[in-house]
C-alpha cells in the first residue's frame, strides 16, 4: 500500500488544496492543462500486409516463461 503522508509544504505556485480523492472531472481538467506539454508525434499509417505473409507469432522463451508465470495467462 502507498504511504500518502505529506512532509513539508506544497511547491511554489501550487494553488488549491491537496485532494487525493479528486473525481473524474478534476482528472480531466489536469490532463487538459498538461496537453501543451506533451506534443503529439506524427501519425504513421501502417501499410497493409498480405495474409499470405503472416505465418504466426514468435515469442522469445524468456517472454513465454514470464507469461506462463502470470496467473492470468498461465492457468
C-alpha atoms as a PDB file:
ATOM      1  CA  UNK A   1       0.000   0.000   0.000  1.00  0.00           C
ATOM      2  CA  UNK A   2       1.219   3.511  -0.764  1.00  0.00           C
ATOM      3  CA  UNK A   3       2.167   5.793   2.087  1.00  0.00           C
ATOM      4  CA  UNK A   4       0.317   9.055   1.415  1.00  0.00           C
ATOM      5  CA  UNK A   5       1.775  11.074   4.295  1.00  0.00           C
ATOM      6  CA  UNK A   6       2.930  14.514   3.146  1.00  0.00           C
ATOM      7  CA  UNK A   7       6.017  16.092   4.694  1.00  0.00           C
ATOM      8  CA  UNK A   8       6.744  19.782   4.198  1.00  0.00           C
ATOM      9  CA  UNK A   9       4.798  22.379   2.298  1.00  0.00           C
ATOM     10  CA  UNK A  10       3.367  22.426  -1.197  1.00  0.00           C
ATOM     11  CA  UNK A  11       5.689  23.503  -4.024  1.00  0.00           C
ATOM     12  CA  UNK A  12       5.722  27.154  -5.095  1.00  0.00           C
ATOM     13  CA  UNK A  13       2.901  28.036  -7.437  1.00  0.00           C
ATOM     14  CA  UNK A  14       0.642  25.278  -6.095  1.00  0.00           C
ATOM     15  CA  UNK A  15      -2.882  26.593  -5.943  1.00  0.00           C
ATOM     16  CA  UNK A  16      -5.630  24.837  -4.067  1.00  0.00           C
ATOM     17  CA  UNK A  17      -5.638  22.067  -1.540  1.00  0.00           C
ATOM     18  CA  UNK A  18      -4.251  18.585  -1.899  1.00  0.00           C
ATOM     19  CA  UNK A  19      -7.273  16.404  -2.663  1.00  0.00           C
ATOM     20  CA  UNK A  20      -6.243  12.778  -3.060  1.00  0.00           C
ATOM     21  CA  UNK A  21      -9.801  11.682  -3.810  1.00  0.00           C
ATOM     22  CA  UNK A  22     -10.403  14.017  -6.775  1.00  0.00           C
ATOM     23  CA  UNK A  23     -13.052  12.990  -9.229  1.00  0.00           C
ATOM     24  CA  UNK A  24     -13.015  12.330 -12.948  1.00  0.00           C
ATOM     25  CA  UNK A  25     -13.759  15.979 -13.761  1.00  0.00           C
ATOM     26  CA  UNK A  26     -10.674  17.072 -11.824  1.00  0.00           C
ATOM     27  CA  UNK A  27      -8.532  14.461 -13.557  1.00  0.00           C
ATOM     28  CA  UNK A  28      -9.792  15.570 -16.980  1.00  0.00           C
ATOM     29  CA  UNK A  29      -9.014  19.184 -16.091  1.00  0.00           C
ATOM     30  CA  UNK A  30      -5.489  18.247 -15.003  1.00  0.00           C
ATOM     31  CA  UNK A  31      -4.933  16.377 -18.261  1.00  0.00           C
ATOM     32  CA  UNK A  32      -6.291  19.286 -20.328  1.00  0.00           C
ATOM     33  CA  UNK A  33      -3.809  21.628 -18.643  1.00  0.00           C
ATOM     34  CA  UNK A  34      -0.931  19.232 -19.409  1.00  0.00           C
ATOM     35  CA  UNK A  35      -1.758  18.827 -23.128  1.00  0.00           C
ATOM     36  CA  UNK A  36       0.556  21.667 -24.269  1.00  0.00           C
ATOM     37  CA  UNK A  37       3.463  19.919 -22.518  1.00  0.00           C
ATOM     38  CA  UNK A  38       3.001  16.657 -24.480  1.00  0.00           C
ATOM     39  CA  UNK A  39       3.418  17.250 -28.200  1.00  0.00           C
ATOM     40  CA  UNK A  40       1.884  14.555 -30.369  1.00  0.00           C
ATOM     41  CA  UNK A  41       4.107  12.754 -32.828  1.00  0.00           C
ATOM     42  CA  UNK A  42       3.133  12.497 -36.471  1.00  0.00           C
ATOM     43  CA  UNK A  43       0.623   9.744 -37.085  1.00  0.00           C
ATOM     44  CA  UNK A  44       2.064   6.916 -39.145  1.00  0.00           C
ATOM     45  CA  UNK A  45      -0.438   4.799 -41.036  1.00  0.00           C
ATOM     46  CA  UNK A  46       0.526   1.109 -41.202  1.00  0.00           C
ATOM     47  CA  UNK A  47       0.879  -0.450 -44.616  1.00  0.00           C
ATOM     48  CA  UNK A  48      -1.480  -3.352 -45.338  1.00  0.00           C
ATOM     49  CA  UNK A  49       0.142  -6.788 -45.179  1.00  0.00           C
ATOM     50  CA  UNK A  50      -0.974  -9.672 -47.328  1.00  0.00           C
ATOM     51  CA  UNK A  51      -2.373 -12.559 -45.221  1.00  0.00           C
ATOM     52  CA  UNK A  52      -0.080 -14.941 -47.107  1.00  0.00           C
ATOM     53  CA  UNK A  53       2.920 -13.199 -45.496  1.00  0.00           C
ATOM     54  CA  UNK A  54       1.651 -13.764 -41.950  1.00  0.00           C
ATOM     55  CA  UNK A  55       2.872 -17.144 -40.725  1.00  0.00           C
ATOM     56  CA  UNK A  56       2.485 -16.874 -36.970  1.00  0.00           C
ATOM     57  CA  UNK A  57       3.914 -15.203 -33.944  1.00  0.00           C
ATOM     58  CA  UNK A  58       7.330 -15.917 -32.482  1.00  0.00           C
ATOM     59  CA  UNK A  59       7.687 -15.336 -28.740  1.00  0.00           C
ATOM     60  CA  UNK A  60      11.127 -15.329 -27.119  1.00  0.00           C
ATOM     61  CA  UNK A  61      11.486 -18.071 -24.464  1.00  0.00           C
ATOM     62  CA  UNK A  62      12.029 -15.524 -21.670  1.00  0.00           C
ATOM     63  CA  UNK A  63       8.763 -13.747 -22.526  1.00  0.00           C
ATOM     64  CA  UNK A  64       6.909 -17.059 -22.725  1.00  0.00           C
ATOM     65  CA  UNK A  65       8.186 -18.032 -19.243  1.00  0.00           C
ATOM     66  CA  UNK A  66       7.169 -14.638 -17.892  1.00  0.00           C
ATOM     67  CA  UNK A  67       3.620 -15.002 -19.220  1.00  0.00           C
ATOM     68  CA  UNK A  68       3.454 -18.609 -18.047  1.00  0.00           C
ATOM     69  CA  UNK A  69       4.300 -17.443 -14.520  1.00  0.00           C
ATOM     70  CA  UNK A  70       1.435 -14.921 -14.524  1.00  0.00           C
ATOM     71  CA  UNK A  71      -1.763 -16.438 -13.165  1.00  0.00           C
ATOM     72  CA  UNK A  72      -3.961 -14.597 -15.684  1.00  0.00           C
ATOM     73  CA  UNK A  73      -2.167 -16.227 -18.619  1.00  0.00           C
ATOM     74  CA  UNK A  74      -0.567 -19.419 -17.322  1.00  0.00           C
ATOM     75  CA  UNK A  75      -3.505 -21.091 -15.579  1.00  0.00           C
END
